[in-house]
Amino acid sequence: VIDDETVYLSDQFFKKTLANLQENPKVSVIFWKGNDAY
């Protein structure tokens, strides 16, 4: 978490992901633990 409006995701193995980002910067990030999910 960088700040309350920004997260950072590190690239070690992005291949299709990087190609997609170059075409379309709109993304989604999902995460969960137990019954908490966002």
PDB file of all heavy atoms in Angstrom:
ATOM      1  N   VAL A   1       0.879  -1.163   0.000  1.00  0.00           N
ATOM      2  CA  VAL A   1       0.000   0.000   0.000  1.00  0.00           C
ATOM      3  C   VAL A   1       0.921   1.218   0.000  1.00  0.00           C
ATOM      4  O   VAL A   1       1.778   1.354   0.867  1.00  0.00           O
ATOM      5  CB  VAL A   1      -0.913   0.019   1.244  1.00  0.00           C
ATOM      6  CG1 VAL A   1      -1.683   1.332   1.332  1.00  0.00           C
ATOM      7  CG2 VAL A   1      -1.870  -1.172   1.221  1.00  0.00           C
ATOM      8  N   ILE A   2       0.772   2.078  -0.984  1.00  0.00           N
ATOM      9  CA  ILE A   2       1.587   3.294  -1.085  1.00  0.00           C
ATOM     10  C   ILE A   2       0.945   4.414  -0.282  1.00  0.00           C
ATOM     11  O   ILE A   2       1.602   5.113   0.475  1.00  0.00           O
ATOM     12  CB  ILE A   2       1.776   3.711  -2.556  1.00  0.00           C
ATOM     13  CG1 ILE A   2       2.431   2.574  -3.362  1.00  0.00           C
ATOM     14  CG2 ILE A   2       2.568   5.010  -2.657  1.00  0.00           C
ATOM     15  CD1 ILE A   2       3.789   2.128  -2.853  1.00  0.00           C
ATOM     16  N   ASP A   3      -0.340   4.601  -0.473  1.00  0.00           N
ATOM     17  CA  ASP A   3      -1.126   5.566   0.291  1.00  0.00           C
ATOM     18  C   ASP A   3      -2.576   5.113   0.209  1.00  0.00           C
ATOM     19  O   ASP A   3      -2.854   4.048  -0.351  1.00  0.00           O
ATOM     20  CB  ASP A   3      -0.913   7.011  -0.203  1.00  0.00           C
ATOM     21  CG  ASP A   3      -1.257   7.198  -1.669  1.00  0.00           C
ATOM     22  OD1 ASP A   3      -2.265   6.620  -2.149  1.00  0.00           O
ATOM     23  OD2 ASP A   3      -0.521   7.924  -2.361  1.00  0.00           O
ATOM     24  N   ASP A   4      -3.510   5.888   0.727  1.00  0.00           N
ATOM     25  CA  ASP A   4      -4.895   5.402   0.767  1.00  0.00           C
ATOM     26  C   ASP A   4      -5.594   5.404  -0.586  1.00  0.00           C
ATOM     27  O   ASP A   4      -6.740   4.986  -0.690  1.00  0.00           O
ATOM     28  CB  ASP A   4      -5.717   6.145   1.823  1.00  0.00           C
ATOM     29  CG  ASP A   4      -5.924   7.611   1.521  1.00  0.00           C
ATOM     30  OD1 ASP A   4      -5.414   8.117   0.500  1.00  0.00           O
ATOM     31  OD2 ASP A   4      -6.611   8.268   2.325  1.00  0.00           O
ATOM     32  N   GLU A   5      -4.891   5.823  -1.641  1.00  0.00           N
ATOM     33  CA  GLU A   5      -5.450   5.793  -2.989  1.00  0.00           C
ATOM     34  C   GLU A   5      -4.605   4.986  -3.970  1.00  0.00           C
ATOM     35  O   GLU A   5      -4.937   4.922  -5.158  1.00  0.00           O
ATOM     36  CB  GLU A   5      -5.597   7.218  -3.532  1.00  0.00           C
ATOM     37  CG  GLU A   5      -6.554   8.070  -2.726  1.00  0.00           C
ATOM     38  CD  GLU A   5      -6.645   9.495  -3.249  1.00  0.00           C
ATOM     39  OE1 GLU A   5      -5.707   9.951  -3.929  1.00  0.00           O
ATOM     40  OE2 GLU A   5      -7.657  10.138  -2.977  1.00  0.00           O
ATOM     41  N   THR A   6      -3.528   4.363  -3.493  1.00  0.00           N
ATOM     42  CA  THR A   6      -2.594   3.706  -4.409  1.00  0.00           C
ATOM     43  C   THR A   6      -2.013   2.439  -3.809  1.00  0.00           C
ATOM     44  O   THR A   6      -1.598   2.434  -2.648  1.00  0.00           O
ATOM     45  CB  THR A   6      -1.412   4.654  -4.749  1.00  0.00           C
ATOM     46  OG1 THR A   6      -1.915   5.941  -5.087  1.00  0.00           O
ATOM     47  CG2 THR A   6      -0.568   4.106  -5.890  1.00  0.00           C
ATOM     48  N   VAL A   7      -1.978   1.368  -4.624  1.00  0.00           N
ATOM     49  CA  VAL A   7      -1.256   0.150  -4.259  1.00  0.00           C
ATOM     50  C   VAL A   7      -0.199  -0.101  -5.328  1.00  0.00           C
ATOM     51  O   VAL A   7      -0.299   0.387  -6.461  1.00  0.00           O
ATOM     52  CB  VAL A   7      -2.180  -1.079  -4.100  1.00  0.00           C
ATOM     53  CG1 VAL A   7      -3.170  -0.864  -2.954  1.00  0.00           C
ATOM     54  CG2 VAL A   7      -2.895  -1.420  -5.385  1.00  0.00           C
ATOM     55  N   TYR A   8       0.822  -0.857  -4.953  1.00  0.00           N
ATOM     56  CA  TYR A   8       1.906  -1.213  -5.866  1.00  0.00           C
ATOM     57  C   TYR A   8       1.967  -2.723  -5.992  1.00  0.00           C
ATOM     58  O   TYR A   8       1.895  -3.446  -4.993  1.00  0.00           O
ATOM     59  CB  TYR A   8       3.240  -0.690  -5.333  1.00  0.00           C
ATOM     60  CG  TYR A   8       4.404  -1.014  -6.237  1.00  0.00           C
ATOM     61  CD1 TYR A   8       4.663  -0.241  -7.360  1.00  0.00           C
ATOM     62  CD2 TYR A   8       5.235  -2.090  -5.972  1.00  0.00           C
ATOM     63  CE1 TYR A   8       5.731  -0.541  -8.199  1.00  0.00           C
ATOM     64  CE2 TYR A   8       6.300  -2.395  -6.801  1.00  0.00           C
ATOM     65  CZ  TYR A   8       6.543  -1.618  -7.921  1.00  0.00           C
ATOM     66  OH  TYR A   8       7.587  -1.914  -8.752  1.00  0.00           O
ATOM     67  N   LEU A   9       2.097  -3.202  -7.232  1.00  0.00           N
ATOM     68  CA  LEU A   9       2.222  -4.626  -7.534  1.00  0.00           C
ATOM     69  C   LEU A   9       3.511  -4.819  -8.324  1.00  0.00           C
ATOM     70  O   LEU A   9       3.682  -4.249  -9.398  1.00  0.00           O
ATOM     71  CB  LEU A   9       1.021  -5.112  -8.345  1.00  0.00           C
ATOM     72  CG  LEU A   9      -0.348  -4.835  -7.727  1.00  0.00           C
ATOM     73  CD1 LEU A   9      -1.456  -5.152  -8.708  1.00  0.00           C
ATOM     74  CD2 LEU A   9      -0.532  -5.607  -6.449  1.00  0.00           C
ATOM     75  N   SER A  10       4.411  -5.623  -7.778  1.00  0.00           N
ATOM     76  CA  SER A  10       5.719  -5.817  -8.391  1.00  0.00           C
ATOM     77  C   SER A  10       5.665  -6.839  -9.520  1.00  0.00           C
ATOM     78  O   SER A  10       4.966  -7.845  -9.431  1.00  0.00           O
ATOM     79  CB  SER A  10       6.722  -6.265  -7.329  1.00  0.00           C
ATOM     80  OG  SER A  10       8.003  -6.378  -7.893  1.00  0.00           O
ATOM     81  N   ASP A  11       6.422  -6.559 -10.565  1.00  0.00           N
ATOM     82  CA  ASP A  11       6.504  -7.433 -11.741  1.00  0.00           C
ATOM     83  C   ASP A  11       7.778  -8.254 -11.715  1.00  0.00           C
ATOM     84  O   ASP A  11       8.872  -7.717 -11.839  1.00  0.00           O
ATOM     85  CB  ASP A  11       6.459  -6.591 -13.019  1.00  0.00           C
ATOM     86  CG  ASP A  11       6.800  -7.374 -14.279  1.00  0.00           C
ATOM     87  OD1 ASP A  11       6.722  -8.618 -14.262  1.00  0.00           O
ATOM     88  OD2 ASP A  11       7.128  -6.725 -15.289  1.00  0.00           O
ATOM     89  N   GLN A  12       7.608  -9.551 -11.560  1.00  0.00           N
ATOM     90  CA  GLN A  12       8.704 -10.485 -11.749  1.00  0.00           C
ATOM     91  C   GLN A  12       8.436 -11.353 -12.973  1.00  0.00           C
ATOM     92  O   GLN A  12       9.354 -11.750 -13.659  1.00  0.00           O
ATOM     93  CB  GLN A  12       8.885 -11.417 -10.533  1.00  0.00           C
ATOM     94  CG  GLN A  12       9.549 -10.771  -9.347  1.00  0.00           C
ATOM     95  CD  GLN A  12       8.638  -9.769  -8.674  1.00  0.00           C
ATOM     96  OE1 GLN A  12       8.971  -8.599  -8.632  1.00  0.00           O
ATOM     97  NE2 GLN A  12       7.501 -10.186  -8.169  1.00  0.00           N
ATOM     98  N   PHE A  13       7.153 -11.640 -13.216  1.00  0.00           N
ATOM     99  CA  PHE A  13       6.788 -12.594 -14.257  1.00  0.00           C
ATOM    100  C   PHE A  13       5.659 -12.112 -15.153  1.00  0.00           C
ATOM    101  O   PHE A  13       5.030 -12.927 -15.824  1.00  0.00           O
ATOM    102  CB  PHE A  13       6.387 -13.931 -13.610  1.00  0.00           C
ATOM    103  CG  PHE A  13       7.434 -14.477 -12.679  1.00  0.00           C
ATOM    104  CD1 PHE A  13       7.216 -14.488 -11.311  1.00  0.00           C
ATOM    105  CD2 PHE A  13       8.630 -14.950 -13.162  1.00  0.00           C
ATOM    106  CE1 PHE A  13       8.175 -14.982 -10.442  1.00  0.00           C
ATOM    107  CE2 PHE A  13       9.601 -15.444 -12.308  1.00  0.00           C
ATOM    108  CZ  PHE A  13       9.371 -15.461 -10.947  1.00  0.00           C
ATOM    109  N   PHE A  14       5.350 -10.825 -15.166  1.00  0.00           N
ATOM    110  CA  PHE A  14       4.279 -10.338 -16.031  1.00  0.00           C
ATOM    111  C   PHE A  14       4.672 -10.588 -17.489  1.00  0.00           C
ATOM    112  O   PHE A  14       5.751 -10.199 -17.910  1.00  0.00           O
ATOM    113  CB  PHE A  14       4.055  -8.832 -15.866  1.00  0.00           C
ATOM    114  CG  PHE A  14       3.498  -8.385 -14.543  1.00  0.00           C
ATOM    115  CD1 PHE A  14       3.336  -7.033 -14.294  1.00  0.00           C
ATOM    116  CD2 PHE A  14       3.133  -9.268 -13.553  1.00  0.00           C
ATOM    117  CE1 PHE A  14       2.820  -6.583 -13.087  1.00  0.00           C
ATOM    118  CE2 PHE A  14       2.621  -8.838 -12.339  1.00  0.00           C
ATOM    119  CZ  PHE A  14       2.467  -7.474 -12.116  1.00  0.00           C
ATOM    120  N   LYS A  15       3.856 -11.233 -18.220  1.00  0.00           N
ATOM    121  CA  LYS A  15       4.056 -11.403 -19.660  1.00  0.00           C
ATOM    122  C   LYS A  15       2.777 -10.935 -20.344  1.00  0.00           C
ATOM    123  O   LYS A  15       2.733  -9.856 -20.910  1.00  0.00           O
ATOM    124  CB  LYS A  15       4.392 -12.846 -20.009  1.00  0.00           C
ATOM    125  CG  LYS A  15       4.724 -13.031 -21.471  1.00  0.00           C
ATOM    126  CD  LYS A  15       5.184 -14.429 -21.784  1.00  0.00           C
ATOM    127  CE  LYS A  15       5.558 -14.502 -23.246  1.00  0.00           C
ATOM    128  NZ  LYS A  15       6.151 -15.787 -23.577  1.00  0.00           N
ATOM    129  N   LYS A  16       1.709 -11.751 -20.220  1.00  0.00           N
ATOM    130  CA  LYS A  16       0.421 -11.326 -20.754  1.00  0.00           C
ATOM    131  C   LYS A  16      -0.061 -10.079 -20.021  1.00  0.00           C
ATOM    132  O   LYS A  16      -0.650  -9.188 -20.631  1.00  0.00           O
ATOM    133  CB  LYS A  16      -0.607 -12.451 -20.646  1.00  0.00           C
ATOM    134  CG  LYS A  16      -0.303 -13.648 -21.533  1.00  0.00           C
ATOM    135  CD  LYS A  16      -1.341 -14.740 -21.365  1.00  0.00           C
ATOM    136  CE  LYS A  16      -1.118 -15.425 -20.039  1.00  0.00           C
ATOM    137  NZ  LYS A  16      -2.013 -16.550 -19.779  1.00  0.00           N
ATOM    138  N   THR A  17       0.220 -10.033 -18.729  1.00  0.00           N
ATOM    139  CA  THR A  17      -0.207  -8.886 -17.922  1.00  0.00           C
ATOM    140  C   THR A  17       0.391  -7.597 -18.456  1.00  0.00           C
ATOM    141  O   THR A  17      -0.321  -6.604 -18.648  1.00  0.00           O
ATOM    142  CB  THR A  17       0.193  -9.105 -16.450  1.00  0.00           C
ATOM    143  OG1 THR A  17      -0.474 -10.267 -15.970  1.00  0.00           O
ATOM    144  CG2 THR A  17      -0.152  -7.911 -15.591  1.00  0.00           C
ATOM    145  N   LEU A  18       1.692  -7.592 -18.717  1.00  0.00           N
ATOM    146  CA  LEU A  18       2.351  -6.395 -19.232  1.00  0.00           C
ATOM    147  C   LEU A  18       1.832  -6.034 -20.616  1.00  0.00           C
ATOM    148  O   LEU A  18       1.573  -4.857 -20.901  1.00  0.00           O
ATOM    149  CB  LEU A  18       3.872  -6.580 -19.251  1.00  0.00           C
ATOM    150  CG  LEU A  18       4.680  -5.383 -19.732  1.00  0.00           C
ATOM    151  CD1 LEU A  18       4.359  -4.122 -18.934  1.00  0.00           C
ATOM    152  CD2 LEU A  18       6.166  -5.706 -19.657  1.00  0.00           C
ATOM    153  N   ALA A  19       1.645  -7.028 -21.464  1.00  0.00           N
ATOM    154  CA  ALA A  19       1.094  -6.762 -22.800  1.00  0.00           C
ATOM    155  C   ALA A  19      -0.290  -6.130 -22.679  1.00  0.00           C
ATOM    156  O   ALA A  19      -0.608  -5.166 -23.388  1.00  0.00           O
ATOM    157  CB  ALA A  19       1.030  -8.052 -23.619  1.00  0.00           C
ATOM    158  N   ASN A  20      -1.102  -6.656 -21.756  1.00  0.00           N
ATOM    159  CA  ASN A  20      -2.435  -6.084 -21.557  1.00  0.00           C
ATOM    160  C   ASN A  20      -2.356  -4.646 -21.070  1.00  0.00           C
ATOM    161  O   ASN A  20      -3.101  -3.775 -21.525  1.00  0.00           O
ATOM    162  CB  ASN A  20      -3.231  -6.914 -20.553  1.00  0.00           C
ATOM    163  CG  ASN A  20      -3.681  -8.239 -21.113  1.00  0.00           C
ATOM    164  OD1 ASN A  20      -3.457  -8.550 -22.280  1.00  0.00           O
ATOM    165  ND2 ASN A  20      -4.305  -9.031 -20.276  1.00  0.00           N
ATOM    166  N   LEU A  21      -1.474  -4.395 -20.108  1.00  0.00           N
ATOM    167  CA  LEU A  21      -1.351  -3.045 -19.557  1.00  0.00           C
ATOM    168  C   LEU A  21      -0.948  -2.036 -20.623  1.00  0.00           C
ATOM    169  O   LEU A  21      -1.357  -0.871 -20.561  1.00  0.00           O
ATOM    170  CB  LEU A  21      -0.330  -3.036 -18.419  1.00  0.00           C
ATOM    171  CG  LEU A  21      -0.753  -3.752 -17.146  1.00  0.00           C
ATOM    172  CD1 LEU A  21       0.434  -3.899 -16.208  1.00  0.00           C
ATOM    173  CD2 LEU A  21      -1.898  -3.028 -16.477  1.00  0.00           C
ATOM    174  N   GLN A  22      -0.158  -2.469 -21.583  1.00  0.00           N
ATOM    175  CA  GLN A  22       0.253  -1.568 -22.653  1.00  0.00           C
ATOM    176  C   GLN A  22      -0.916  -1.213 -23.563  1.00  0.00           C
ATOM    177  O   GLN A  22      -0.929  -0.154 -24.181  1.00  0.00           O
ATOM    178  CB  GLN A  22       1.406  -2.190 -23.442  1.00  0.00           C
ATOM    179  CG  GLN A  22       2.667  -2.255 -22.617  1.00  0.00           C
ATOM    180  CD  GLN A  22       3.754  -3.119 -23.222  1.00  0.00           C
ATOM    181  OE1 GLN A  22       3.515  -3.967 -24.076  1.00  0.00           O
ATOM    182  NE2 GLN A  22       4.974  -2.912 -22.758  1.00  0.00           N
ATOM    183  N   GLU A  23      -1.918  -2.081 -23.625  1.00  0.00           N
ATOM    184  CA  GLU A  23      -3.108  -1.829 -24.435  1.00  0.00           C
ATOM    185  C   GLU A  23      -4.235  -1.178 -23.637  1.00  0.00           C
ATOM    186  O   GLU A  23      -5.044  -0.442 -24.191  1.00  0.00           O
ATOM    187  CB  GLU A  23      -3.646  -3.143 -25.017  1.00  0.00           C
ATOM    188  CG  GLU A  23      -2.748  -3.783 -26.037  1.00  0.00           C
ATOM    189  CD  GLU A  23      -3.360  -5.060 -26.614  1.00  0.00           C
ATOM    190  OE1 GLU A  23      -4.600  -5.238 -26.554  1.00  0.00           O
ATOM    191  OE2 GLU A  23      -2.588  -5.877 -27.128  1.00  0.00           O
ATOM    192  N   ASN A  24      -4.313  -1.528 -22.338  1.00  0.00           N
ATOM    193  CA  ASN A  24      -5.470  -1.134 -21.544  1.00  0.00           C
ATOM    194  C   ASN A  24      -5.045  -1.019 -20.075  1.00  0.00           C
ATOM    195  O   ASN A  24      -4.818  -2.034 -19.424  1.00  0.00           O
ATOM    196  CB  ASN A  24      -6.569  -2.190 -21.705  1.00  0.00           C
ATOM    197  CG  ASN A  24      -7.768  -1.930 -20.838  1.00  0.00           C
ATOM    198  OD1 ASN A  24      -7.924  -0.878 -20.235  1.00  0.00           O
ATOM    199  ND2 ASN A  24      -8.648  -2.924 -20.751  1.00  0.00           N
ATOM    200  N   PRO A  25      -4.960   0.181 -19.535  1.00  0.00           N
ATOM    201  CA  PRO A  25      -4.490   0.337 -18.162  1.00  0.00           C
ATOM    202  C   PRO A  25      -5.548   0.094 -17.076  1.00  0.00           C
ATOM    203  O   PRO A  25      -5.238   0.157 -15.888  1.00  0.00           O
ATOM    204  CB  PRO A  25      -4.016   1.787 -18.119  1.00  0.00           C
ATOM    205  CG  PRO A  25      -4.929   2.477 -19.083  1.00  0.00           C
ATOM    206  CD  PRO A  25      -5.154   1.474 -20.192  1.00  0.00           C
ATOM    207  N   LYS A  26      -6.776  -0.199 -17.458  1.00  0.00           N
ATOM    208  CA  LYS A  26      -7.834  -0.451 -16.458  1.00  0.00           C
ATOM    209  C   LYS A  26      -7.648  -1.850 -15.879  1.00  0.00           C
ATOM    210  O   LYS A  26      -7.513  -2.829 -16.622  1.00  0.00           O
ATOM    211  CB  LYS A  26      -9.220  -0.325 -17.079  1.00  0.00           C
ATOM    212  CG  LYS A  26      -9.552   1.099 -17.502  1.00  0.00           C
ATOM    213  CD  LYS A  26      -9.571   2.012 -16.296  1.00  0.00           C
ATOM    214  CE  LYS A  26     -10.074   3.390 -16.647  1.00  0.00           C
ATOM    215  NZ  LYS A  26     -10.056   4.277 -15.501  1.00  0.00           N
ATOM    216  N   VAL A  27      -7.631  -1.928 -14.539  1.00  0.00           N
ATOM    217  CA  VAL A  27      -7.324  -3.189 -13.864  1.00  0.00           C
ATOM    218  C   VAL A  27      -8.243  -3.419 -12.672  1.00  0.00           C
ATOM    219  O   VAL A  27      -8.961  -2.514 -12.241  1.00  0.00           O
ATOM    220  CB  VAL A  27      -5.852  -3.218 -13.386  1.00  0.00           C
ATOM    221  CG1 VAL A  27      -4.890  -3.032 -14.552  1.00  0.00           C
ATOM    222  CG2 VAL A  27      -5.596  -2.164 -12.312  1.00  0.00           C
ATOM    223  N   SER A  28      -8.141  -4.633 -12.143  1.00  0.00           N
ATOM    224  CA  SER A  28      -8.836  -5.000 -10.925  1.00  0.00           C
ATOM    225  C   SER A  28      -7.887  -5.837 -10.081  1.00  0.00           C
ATOM    226  O   SER A  28      -7.080  -6.599 -10.611  1.00  0.00           O
ATOM    227  CB  SER A  28     -10.085  -5.808 -11.275  1.00  0.00           C
ATOM    228  OG  SER A  28     -10.763  -6.219 -10.115  1.00  0.00           O
ATOM    229  N   VAL A  29      -7.985  -5.659  -8.773  1.00  0.00           N
ATOM    230  CA  VAL A  29      -7.184  -6.440  -7.829  1.00  0.00           C
ATOM    231  C   VAL A  29      -8.152  -6.994  -6.791  1.00  0.00           C
ATOM    232  O   VAL A  29      -8.924  -6.230  -6.196  1.00  0.00           O
ATOM    233  CB  VAL A  29      -6.120  -5.568  -7.124  1.00  0.00           C
ATOM    234  CG1 VAL A  29      -5.298  -6.403  -6.157  1.00  0.00           C
ATOM    235  CG2 VAL A  29      -5.229  -4.866  -8.147  1.00  0.00           C
ATOM    236  N   ILE A  30      -8.127  -8.310  -6.593  1.00  0.00           N
ATOM    237  CA  ILE A  30      -9.024  -8.916  -5.612  1.00  0.00           C
ATOM    238  C   ILE A  30      -8.200  -9.667  -4.573  1.00  0.00           C
ATOM    239  O   ILE A  30      -7.152 -10.240  -4.900  1.00  0.00           O
ATOM    240  CB  ILE A  30     -10.075  -9.829  -6.282  1.00  0.00           C
ATOM    241  CG1 ILE A  30     -11.172 -10.207  -5.298  1.00  0.00           C
ATOM    242  CG2 ILE A  30      -9.434 -11.037  -6.919  1.00  0.00           C
ATOM    243  CD1 ILE A  30     -12.415 -10.782  -5.947  1.00  0.00           C
ATOM    244  N   PHE A  31      -8.668  -9.613  -3.327  1.00  0.00           N
ATOM    245  CA  PHE A  31      -7.957 -10.272  -2.237  1.00  0.00           C
ATOM    246  C   PHE A  31      -8.954 -10.606  -1.134  1.00  0.00           C
ATOM    247  O   PHE A  31      -9.990  -9.965  -1.004  1.00  0.00           O
ATOM    248  CB  PHE A  31      -6.808  -9.402  -1.706  1.00  0.00           C
ATOM    249  CG  PHE A  31      -7.199  -7.991  -1.385  1.00  0.00           C
ATOM    250  CD1 PHE A  31      -7.464  -7.607  -0.083  1.00  0.00           C
ATOM    251  CD2 PHE A  31      -7.309  -7.035  -2.390  1.00  0.00           C
ATOM    252  CE1 PHE A  31      -7.833  -6.309   0.217  1.00  0.00           C
ATOM    253  CE2 PHE A  31      -7.670  -5.730  -2.106  1.00  0.00           C
ATOM    254  CZ  PHE A  31      -7.932  -5.366  -0.791  1.00  0.00           C
ATOM    255  N   TRP A  32      -8.629 -11.645  -0.363  1.00  0.00           N
ATOM    256  CA  TRP A  32      -9.550 -12.115   0.657  1.00  0.00           C
ATOM    257  C   TRP A  32      -8.836 -12.904   1.727  1.00  0.00           C
ATOM    258  O   TRP A  32      -7.736 -13.406   1.533  1.00  0.00           O
ATOM    259  CB  TRP A  32     -10.637 -12.981   0.028  1.00  0.00           C
ATOM    260  CG  TRP A  32     -10.105 -14.250  -0.555  1.00  0.00           C
ATOM    261  CD1 TRP A  32     -10.023 -15.466   0.071  1.00  0.00           C
ATOM    262  CD2 TRP A  32      -9.545 -14.433  -1.853  1.00  0.00           C
ATOM    263  NE1 TRP A  32      -9.458 -16.393  -0.765  1.00  0.00           N
ATOM    264  CE2 TRP A  32      -9.145 -15.778  -1.961  1.00  0.00           C
ATOM    265  CE3 TRP A  32      -9.338 -13.580  -2.941  1.00  0.00           C
ATOM    266  CZ2 TRP A  32      -8.557 -16.294  -3.100  1.00  0.00           C
ATOM    267  CZ3 TRP A  32      -8.746 -14.102  -4.079  1.00  0.00           C
ATOM    268  CH2 TRP A  32      -8.371 -15.435  -4.156  1.00  0.00           C
ATOM    269  N   LYS A  33      -9.498 -12.986   2.849  1.00  0.00           N
ATOM    270  CA  LYS A  33      -9.084 -13.851   3.950  1.00  0.00           C
ATOM    271  C   LYS A  33     -10.353 -14.167   4.723  1.00  0.00           C
ATOM    272  O   LYS A  33     -11.049 -13.244   5.173  1.00  0.00           O
ATOM    273  CB  LYS A  33      -8.065 -13.164   4.852  1.00  0.00           C
ATOM    274  CG  LYS A  33      -7.610 -14.052   6.006  1.00  0.00           C
ATOM    275  CD  LYS A  33      -6.569 -13.352   6.844  1.00  0.00           C
ATOM    276  CE  LYS A  33      -6.170 -14.249   8.003  1.00  0.00           C
ATOM    277  NZ  LYS A  33      -5.248 -13.563   8.906  1.00  0.00           N
ATOM    278  N   GLY A  34     -10.647 -15.445   4.871  1.00  0.00           N
ATOM    279  CA  GLY A  34     -11.881 -15.822   5.532  1.00  0.00           C
ATOM    280  C   GLY A  34     -13.074 -15.236   4.796  1.00  0.00           C
ATOM    281  O   GLY A  34     -13.186 -15.363   3.586  1.00  0.00           O
ATOM    282  N   ASN A  35     -13.944 -14.565   5.532  1.00  0.00           N
ATOM    283  CA  ASN A  35     -15.121 -13.950   4.914  1.00  0.00           C
ATOM    284  C   ASN A  35     -14.918 -12.481   4.565  1.00  0.00           C
ATOM    285  O   ASN A  35     -15.874 -11.816   4.172  1.00  0.00           O
ATOM    286  CB  ASN A  35     -16.342 -14.107   5.828  1.00  0.00           C
ATOM    287  CG  ASN A  35     -16.858 -15.525   5.829  1.00  0.00           C
ATOM    288  OD1 ASN A  35     -16.746 -16.236   4.835  1.00  0.00           O
ATOM    289  ND2 ASN A  35     -17.421 -15.948   6.941  1.00  0.00           N
ATOM    290  N   ASP A  36     -13.715 -11.974   4.725  1.00  0.00           N
ATOM    291  CA  ASP A  36     -13.405 -10.606   4.305  1.00  0.00           C
ATOM    292  C   ASP A  36     -12.820 -10.659   2.900  1.00  0.00           C
ATOM    293  O   ASP A  36     -11.830 -11.363   2.665  1.00  0.00           O
ATOM    294  CB  ASP A  36     -12.387  -9.955   5.249  1.00  0.00           C
ATOM    295  CG  ASP A  36     -12.962  -9.667   6.617  1.00  0.00           C
ATOM    296  OD1 ASP A  36     -14.178  -9.411   6.715  1.00  0.00           O
ATOM    297  OD2 ASP A  36     -12.190  -9.693   7.588  1.00  0.00           O
ATOM    298  N   ALA A  37     -13.425  -9.935   1.987  1.00  0.00           N
ATOM    299  CA  ALA A  37     -12.959  -9.943   0.602  1.00  0.00           C
ATOM    300  C   ALA A  37     -13.278  -8.605  -0.054  1.00  0.00           C
ATOM    301  O   ALA A  37     -14.366  -8.051   0.147  1.00  0.00           O
ATOM    302  CB  ALA A  37     -13.612 -11.078  -0.168  1.00  0.00           C
ATOM    303  N   TYR A  38     -12.312  -8.118  -0.825  1.00  0.00           N
ATOM    304  CA  TYR A  38     -12.476  -6.823  -1.485  1.00  0.00           C
ATOM    305  C   TYR A  38     -11.931  -6.876  -2.903  1.00  0.00           C
ATOM    306  O   TYR A  38     -11.032  -7.666  -3.218  1.00  0.00           O
ATOM    307  CB  TYR A  38     -11.741  -5.715  -0.718  1.00  0.00           C
ATOM    308  CG  TYR A  38     -12.288  -5.543   0.668  1.00  0.00           C
ATOM    309  CD1 TYR A  38     -11.652  -6.116   1.761  1.00  0.00           C
ATOM    310  CD2 TYR A  38     -13.472  -4.851   0.884  1.00  0.00           C
ATOM    311  CE1 TYR A  38     -12.163  -5.992   3.040  1.00  0.00           C
ATOM    312  CE2 TYR A  38     -13.997  -4.720   2.156  1.00  0.00           C
ATOM    313  CZ  TYR A  38     -13.341  -5.287   3.226  1.00  0.00           C
ATOM    314  OH  TYR A  38     -13.862  -5.171   4.488  1.00  0.00           O
TER     315      TYR A  38
END
